[in-house]
Amino acid sequence: MKNNLHVFLGATVADAASRPLHWVYNQKKLNQYIKGKKDYAFLKKNRSPFYNVKTGKVSGYNEAGQTMFKTLLEGHENIEQRFKKNILKIFGPGSKYWKNLKLRSKYRKIKDWRGIIQGPWIHQNIIETIANINKNKKLTGGIKVNESDGYCSTLPYFLYFNDLKSLKKVISITTVSKLSIKYSLAKFNLLDLALKGSKDPIKEFIKKFKKNSYFSEIVKDIIRLKKLRKNPHSKMVKKLGMACSYPGTFNSSIHAIVSSNSYKSAILKTIKAGGCSCSRSNFIGAYFAALKGVDTIPKNWIKKTLPALKILKQK
């Protein structure tokens, strides 16, 4: 596909496949939801205990990527400024995301409230980004959490321009967390190796960055996870961290990759492991698409993914 957009398609389909079970942390309940199903991607009934959107739509993680994709389709001039304007338009005041944020604030006043928001869920990094844009701050990204919004929002930009050197600045639009930036760059380096034809990007990454101080801890973790690839994935995710934050979300993604031989098997085990499956799926789906091409993405899954058509039109 044009501009390697099959990689973004891989991320988008994986996110949509995972979305109905996003943020299910209770493993017993999750197992009940998928009992008897061989393919539990795109569950018709929402099971997320936090928010509910139509099956086929994506989470806030991939929506950030869709926002960058929209910005790039509109043109390649003043990308950063126009991306910020589109963030305000899609996530800010007047949007469904913002409306639900206000509703969440209202519901928090009710003791022990555990209701499901009807509609999309805005992430902390994006909330901070909107506030910082409105204050005309030079650095607009969020700082309070170490999550995947920076990677997800920058993925289409990386695919269009294939320039690793310029990525830090773009990632910083939605996060200025040093940890988030580091893990985002690790993901992009892995995708870059896959797109350049490496048959084993994980192995190549270890070789390339083994003596690199910036990625030293990441390299150590990847080596350890390769040795543990035969361990049950759900148990590994529980140990590594089921939530959205780095390093857990990255390490759980790596374990899914090294313990799987296909896009579909990796995403299904990611969904089954529970927790913040969407943050992990956005990288795992992109990785397998970069490594094996667009045909690795199940065609029936693509048909079920609502934003897929716009990406497919860019052939």
Protein backbone atom coordinates (compact mmCIF):
# COMPACT_ATOMS: atom_id res chain seq x y z
CA MET A 1 0.00 0.00 0.00
CA LYS A 2 0.99 3.64 -0.52
CA ASN A 3 3.23 5.05 2.25
CA ASN A 4 3.31 1.62 3.92
CA LEU A 5 -0.20 2.28 5.17
CA HIS A 6 -0.83 -1.46 5.46
CA VAL A 7 1.06 -1.08 8.77
CA PHE A 8 -1.44 1.50 10.01
CA LEU A 9 -4.23 -0.75 8.74
CA GLY A 10 -2.72 -3.55 10.82
CA ALA A 11 -2.80 -1.36 13.92
CA THR A 12 -6.33 -0.13 13.23
CA VAL A 13 -7.86 -3.56 12.64
CA ALA A 14 -6.13 -4.97 15.74
CA ASP A 15 -7.44 -2.11 17.87
CA ALA A 16 -11.01 -2.52 16.60
CA ALA A 17 -10.80 -6.29 17.12
CA SER A 18 -9.78 -5.78 20.75
CA ARG A 19 -12.07 -2.84 21.56
CA PRO A 20 -15.21 -4.67 22.86
CA LEU A 21 -13.08 -6.30 25.58
CA HIS A 22 -10.87 -3.28 26.28
CA TRP A 23 -9.97 -2.77 29.94
CA VAL A 24 -11.52 -6.00 31.19
CA TYR A 25 -9.17 -6.78 34.09
CA ASN A 26 -11.25 -9.50 35.73
CA GLN A 27 -9.90 -12.66 34.11
CA LYS A 28 -12.78 -14.83 35.29
CA LYS A 29 -15.33 -12.53 33.67
CA LEU A 30 -13.26 -12.27 30.49
CA ASN A 31 -13.08 -16.06 30.21
CA GLN A 32 -16.87 -16.21 30.58
CA TYR A 33 -17.33 -13.62 27.81
CA ILE A 34 -15.23 -15.61 25.31
CA LYS A 35 -16.20 -19.12 26.44
CA GLY A 36 -16.85 -21.42 23.48
CA LYS A 37 -15.59 -18.90 20.93
CA LYS A 38 -12.60 -19.68 18.70
CA ASP A 39 -12.54 -16.14 17.34
CA TYR A 40 -13.45 -13.60 20.02
CA ALA A 41 -12.35 -10.55 18.08
CA PHE A 42 -15.09 -7.98 17.36
CA LEU A 43 -17.51 -9.23 20.00
CA LYS A 44 -20.96 -7.93 19.09
CA LYS A 45 -21.74 -7.07 22.70
CA ASN A 46 -19.59 -4.52 24.48
CA ARG A 47 -17.89 -5.95 27.55
CA SER A 48 -15.66 -3.03 28.49
CA PRO A 49 -16.62 -1.97 32.02
CA PHE A 50 -15.65 1.66 31.30
CA TYR A 51 -17.10 2.74 27.93
CA ASN A 52 -19.16 1.50 25.03
CA VAL A 53 -18.78 2.26 21.32
CA LYS A 54 -20.17 0.38 18.33
CA THR A 55 -18.27 -2.79 17.43
CA GLY A 56 -15.93 -1.96 14.55
CA LYS A 57 -14.99 1.43 15.95
CA VAL A 58 -11.60 2.03 17.56
CA SER A 59 -10.39 3.07 20.99
CA GLY A 60 -8.99 6.49 21.85
CA TYR A 61 -5.48 5.15 21.17
CA ASN A 62 -6.10 4.46 17.51
CA GLU A 63 -8.35 7.52 17.21
CA ALA A 64 -5.24 9.60 17.92
CA GLY A 65 -3.61 7.86 14.96
CA GLN A 66 -6.69 8.47 12.81
CA THR A 67 -6.39 12.15 13.73
CA MET A 68 -2.83 12.28 12.42
CA PHE A 69 -3.90 10.32 9.32
CA LYS A 70 -6.63 12.89 8.66
CA THR A 71 -4.06 15.67 9.06
CA LEU A 72 -1.74 14.06 6.51
CA LEU A 73 -4.56 13.50 4.00
CA GLU A 74 -5.31 17.20 4.19
CA GLY A 75 -1.73 18.10 3.21
CA HIS A 76 1.91 18.04 4.27
CA GLU A 77 2.40 21.70 5.14
CA ASN A 78 2.41 22.86 8.78
CA ILE A 79 1.61 19.34 9.94
CA GLU A 80 2.24 19.93 13.63
CA GLN A 81 -0.04 22.97 13.87
CA ARG A 82 -2.82 21.37 11.85
CA PHE A 83 -2.55 18.17 13.88
CA LYS A 84 -3.07 20.19 17.06
CA LYS A 85 -6.14 21.85 15.52
CA ASN A 86 -7.53 18.44 14.59
CA ILE A 87 -6.93 17.17 18.13
CA LEU A 88 -9.05 20.05 19.42
CA LYS A 89 -11.72 19.32 16.82
CA ILE A 90 -11.94 15.56 17.35
CA PHE A 91 -11.27 15.32 21.10
CA GLY A 92 -11.86 18.83 22.47
CA PRO A 93 -14.90 20.87 23.58
CA GLY A 94 -17.95 20.04 21.48
CA SER A 95 -16.79 16.50 20.69
CA LYS A 96 -18.23 13.25 22.02
CA TYR A 97 -14.95 12.60 23.80
CA TRP A 98 -15.16 15.90 25.68
CA LYS A 99 -18.83 15.47 26.52
CA ASN A 100 -18.06 12.10 28.08
CA LEU A 101 -15.15 13.56 30.04
CA LYS A 102 -17.57 15.99 31.70
CA LEU A 103 -19.95 13.11 32.38
CA ARG A 104 -17.13 11.13 34.00
CA SER A 105 -16.33 14.10 36.26
CA LYS A 106 -19.97 14.23 37.32
CA TYR A 107 -20.15 10.50 37.98
CA ARG A 108 -16.99 10.53 40.13
CA LYS A 109 -18.96 12.44 42.76
CA ILE A 110 -21.14 9.36 43.22
CA LYS A 111 -19.48 7.04 45.73
CA ASP A 112 -18.35 3.67 44.30
CA TRP A 113 -19.73 4.48 40.84
CA ARG A 114 -18.75 1.85 38.29
CA GLY A 115 -21.02 2.66 35.36
CA ILE A 116 -20.26 2.40 31.64
CA ILE A 117 -19.92 5.59 29.62
CA GLN A 118 -22.01 5.46 26.43
CA GLY A 119 -19.53 6.64 23.83
CA PRO A 120 -15.75 7.06 23.54
CA TRP A 121 -13.23 7.52 26.34
CA ILE A 122 -10.66 10.34 26.21
CA HIS A 123 -7.19 9.53 27.57
CA GLN A 124 -5.19 11.51 30.11
CA ASN A 125 -2.44 12.44 27.63
CA ILE A 126 -5.01 13.92 25.25
CA ILE A 127 -6.76 15.83 28.06
CA GLU A 128 -3.43 17.43 28.98
CA THR A 129 -2.54 18.05 25.33
CA ILE A 130 -5.79 19.95 24.77
CA ALA A 131 -5.19 22.08 27.87
CA ASN A 132 -1.62 22.85 26.78
CA ILE A 133 -2.65 23.72 23.22
CA ASN A 134 -5.27 26.13 24.56
CA LYS A 135 -2.61 27.74 26.76
CA ASN A 136 -0.33 28.15 23.71
CA LYS A 137 2.40 26.15 25.42
CA LYS A 138 5.43 25.21 23.35
CA LEU A 139 5.42 21.66 24.75
CA THR A 140 1.87 20.36 24.48
CA GLY A 141 2.17 16.67 25.38
CA GLY A 142 0.91 15.09 28.58
CA ILE A 143 3.28 14.29 31.45
CA LYS A 144 1.18 12.58 34.12
CA VAL A 145 1.07 9.07 32.57
CA ASN A 146 3.48 6.83 30.63
CA GLU A 147 1.12 5.47 27.98
CA SER A 148 0.91 4.74 24.25
CA ASP A 149 -0.79 7.86 22.87
CA GLY A 150 2.50 9.24 21.55
CA TYR A 151 3.25 6.11 19.55
CA CYS A 152 -0.32 5.74 18.29
CA SER A 153 -0.65 9.36 17.18
CA THR A 154 2.74 9.36 15.42
CA LEU A 155 2.43 6.04 13.56
CA PRO A 156 0.93 7.46 10.31
CA TYR A 157 3.54 10.25 10.31
CA PHE A 158 6.34 7.69 10.60
CA LEU A 159 4.90 5.67 7.72
CA TYR A 160 4.53 8.71 5.46
CA PHE A 161 7.99 10.16 6.03
CA ASN A 162 10.08 7.20 7.26
CA ASP A 163 12.33 9.55 9.22
CA LEU A 164 13.29 8.26 12.65
CA LYS A 165 15.20 11.45 13.50
CA SER A 166 12.13 13.71 13.40
CA LEU A 167 9.84 11.45 15.43
CA LYS A 168 10.66 12.68 18.94
CA LYS A 169 9.26 16.13 18.16
CA VAL A 170 6.02 14.67 16.77
CA ILE A 171 5.61 12.19 19.64
CA SER A 172 5.99 15.12 22.05
CA ILE A 173 2.81 16.73 20.73
CA THR A 174 0.80 14.21 22.78
CA THR A 175 3.33 13.12 25.42
CA VAL A 176 6.48 14.59 26.93
CA SER A 177 7.01 11.65 29.26
CA LYS A 178 10.63 10.54 28.76
CA LEU A 179 9.63 6.91 29.31
CA SER A 180 6.81 7.10 26.76
CA ILE A 181 9.07 8.71 24.18
CA LYS A 182 11.76 6.06 24.68
CA TYR A 183 9.36 3.14 24.25
CA SER A 184 7.68 4.83 21.28
CA LEU A 185 11.07 5.16 19.58
CA ALA A 186 11.84 1.51 20.33
CA LYS A 187 8.58 0.52 18.61
CA PHE A 188 9.36 2.66 15.57
CA ASN A 189 12.85 1.20 15.29
CA LEU A 190 11.38 -2.31 15.33
CA LEU A 191 8.85 -1.35 12.65
CA ASP A 192 11.61 0.28 10.61
CA LEU A 193 13.65 -2.93 10.66
CA ALA A 194 10.60 -4.95 9.57
CA LEU A 195 9.82 -2.55 6.72
CA LYS A 196 13.42 -2.70 5.54
CA GLY A 197 13.13 -6.43 5.04
CA SER A 198 14.49 -7.93 8.25
CA LYS A 199 13.20 -11.48 8.72
CA ASP A 200 13.67 -11.17 12.47
CA PRO A 201 13.38 -7.51 13.60
CA ILE A 202 13.50 -8.50 17.27
CA LYS A 203 16.88 -10.20 16.81
CA GLU A 204 18.13 -7.30 14.67
CA PHE A 205 17.01 -4.76 17.28
CA ILE A 206 18.97 -6.59 20.00
CA LYS A 207 22.06 -6.72 17.79
CA LYS A 208 21.78 -3.07 16.74
CA PHE A 209 21.16 -1.59 20.19
CA LYS A 210 22.91 -4.02 22.55
CA LYS A 211 25.60 -1.44 23.35
CA ASN A 212 23.25 1.54 23.17
CA SER A 213 22.77 3.10 26.62
CA TYR A 214 19.41 4.69 25.71
CA PHE A 215 17.77 1.34 24.89
CA SER A 216 19.84 -0.82 27.28
CA GLU A 217 16.98 -1.76 29.64
CA ILE A 218 14.64 -2.43 26.71
CA VAL A 219 17.20 -4.74 25.10
CA LYS A 220 17.64 -6.64 28.39
CA ASP A 221 13.87 -7.07 28.73
CA ILE A 222 13.49 -8.30 25.14
CA ILE A 223 16.26 -10.89 25.64
CA ARG A 224 14.54 -12.07 28.83
CA LEU A 225 11.12 -12.24 27.16
CA LYS A 226 12.47 -14.29 24.26
CA LYS A 227 13.63 -16.89 26.77
CA LEU A 228 10.14 -16.89 28.31
CA ARG A 229 8.24 -17.16 25.00
CA LYS A 230 6.85 -20.61 25.84
CA ASN A 231 5.25 -19.37 29.05
CA PRO A 232 1.44 -18.90 28.84
CA HIS A 233 0.82 -15.40 27.53
CA SER A 234 -2.04 -14.47 29.88
CA LYS A 235 0.08 -15.35 32.91
CA MET A 236 2.98 -13.33 31.52
CA VAL A 237 0.77 -10.28 30.94
CA LYS A 238 -0.55 -10.51 34.49
CA LYS A 239 3.05 -10.57 35.73
CA LEU A 240 4.37 -7.88 33.36
CA GLY A 241 1.38 -5.58 33.83
CA MET A 242 -2.11 -5.61 32.34
CA ALA A 243 -2.54 -1.84 32.46
CA CYS A 244 -1.76 0.84 29.86
CA SER A 245 1.59 2.07 31.16
CA TYR A 246 5.13 1.44 29.97
CA PRO A 247 7.14 -0.70 30.39
CA GLY A 248 4.37 -3.27 30.97
CA THR A 249 2.38 -2.59 27.81
CA PHE A 250 5.56 -2.81 25.69
CA ASN A 251 6.89 -5.96 27.33
CA SER A 252 3.52 -7.70 27.09
CA SER A 253 3.41 -6.79 23.39
CA ILE A 254 6.89 -8.22 22.84
CA HIS A 255 5.89 -11.47 24.53
CA ALA A 256 2.83 -11.74 22.27
CA ILE A 257 5.08 -11.21 19.23
CA VAL A 258 7.82 -13.69 20.16
CA SER A 259 5.28 -16.35 21.18
CA SER A 260 3.16 -16.09 18.00
CA ASN A 261 3.64 -16.94 14.34
CA SER A 262 0.79 -14.90 12.88
CA TYR A 263 -1.08 -11.64 13.17
CA LYS A 264 -4.34 -13.34 14.13
CA SER A 265 -2.90 -15.60 16.83
CA ALA A 266 -0.99 -12.70 18.40
CA ILE A 267 -4.06 -10.45 18.55
CA LEU A 268 -6.33 -13.19 19.88
CA LYS A 269 -3.95 -14.01 22.73
CA THR A 270 -3.64 -10.27 23.43
CA ILE A 271 -7.42 -9.96 23.74
CA LYS A 272 -7.60 -13.07 25.91
CA ALA A 273 -4.95 -11.69 28.29
CA GLY A 274 -7.23 -8.76 29.16
CA GLY A 275 -6.45 -5.35 30.59
CA CYS A 276 -5.38 -2.62 28.18
CA SER A 277 -5.43 -4.88 25.14
CA CYS A 278 -5.96 -1.98 22.71
CA SER A 279 -2.68 -0.25 23.60
CA ARG A 280 -0.83 -3.51 22.98
CA SER A 281 -2.76 -4.41 19.82
CA ASN A 282 -1.88 -1.11 18.15
CA PHE A 283 1.77 -2.12 18.17
CA ILE A 284 1.40 -5.88 17.66
CA GLY A 285 -0.91 -5.41 14.67
CA ALA A 286 1.43 -2.86 13.12
CA TYR A 287 4.44 -5.12 13.70
CA PHE A 288 3.00 -8.19 11.98
CA ALA A 289 1.69 -6.09 9.09
CA ALA A 290 5.16 -4.54 8.65
CA LEU A 291 6.80 -7.96 8.85
CA LYS A 292 4.43 -10.04 6.71
CA GLY A 293 2.46 -7.55 4.61
CA VAL A 294 -1.21 -6.68 4.25
CA ASP A 295 -2.26 -10.27 3.50
CA THR A 296 -1.44 -11.27 7.06
CA ILE A 297 -4.43 -9.24 8.29
CA PRO A 298 -7.61 -11.39 8.21
CA LYS A 299 -9.86 -10.10 5.42
CA ASN A 300 -13.03 -10.67 7.45
CA TRP A 301 -11.52 -8.58 10.26
CA ILE A 302 -10.76 -5.73 7.84
CA LYS A 303 -14.40 -5.76 6.69
CA LYS A 304 -15.54 -5.38 10.30
CA THR A 305 -13.26 -2.39 10.99
CA LEU A 306 -15.13 0.87 10.34
CA PRO A 307 -12.11 3.17 9.71
CA ALA A 308 -10.44 0.60 7.41
CA LEU A 309 -12.06 1.78 4.17
CA LYS A 310 -10.47 5.23 4.35
CA ILE A 311 -7.03 3.63 4.72
CA LEU A 312 -7.66 1.14 1.90
CA LYS A 313 -8.58 4.00 -0.44
CA GLN A 314 -4.99 5.23 -0.28
CA LYS A 315 -3.65 2.39 -2.46
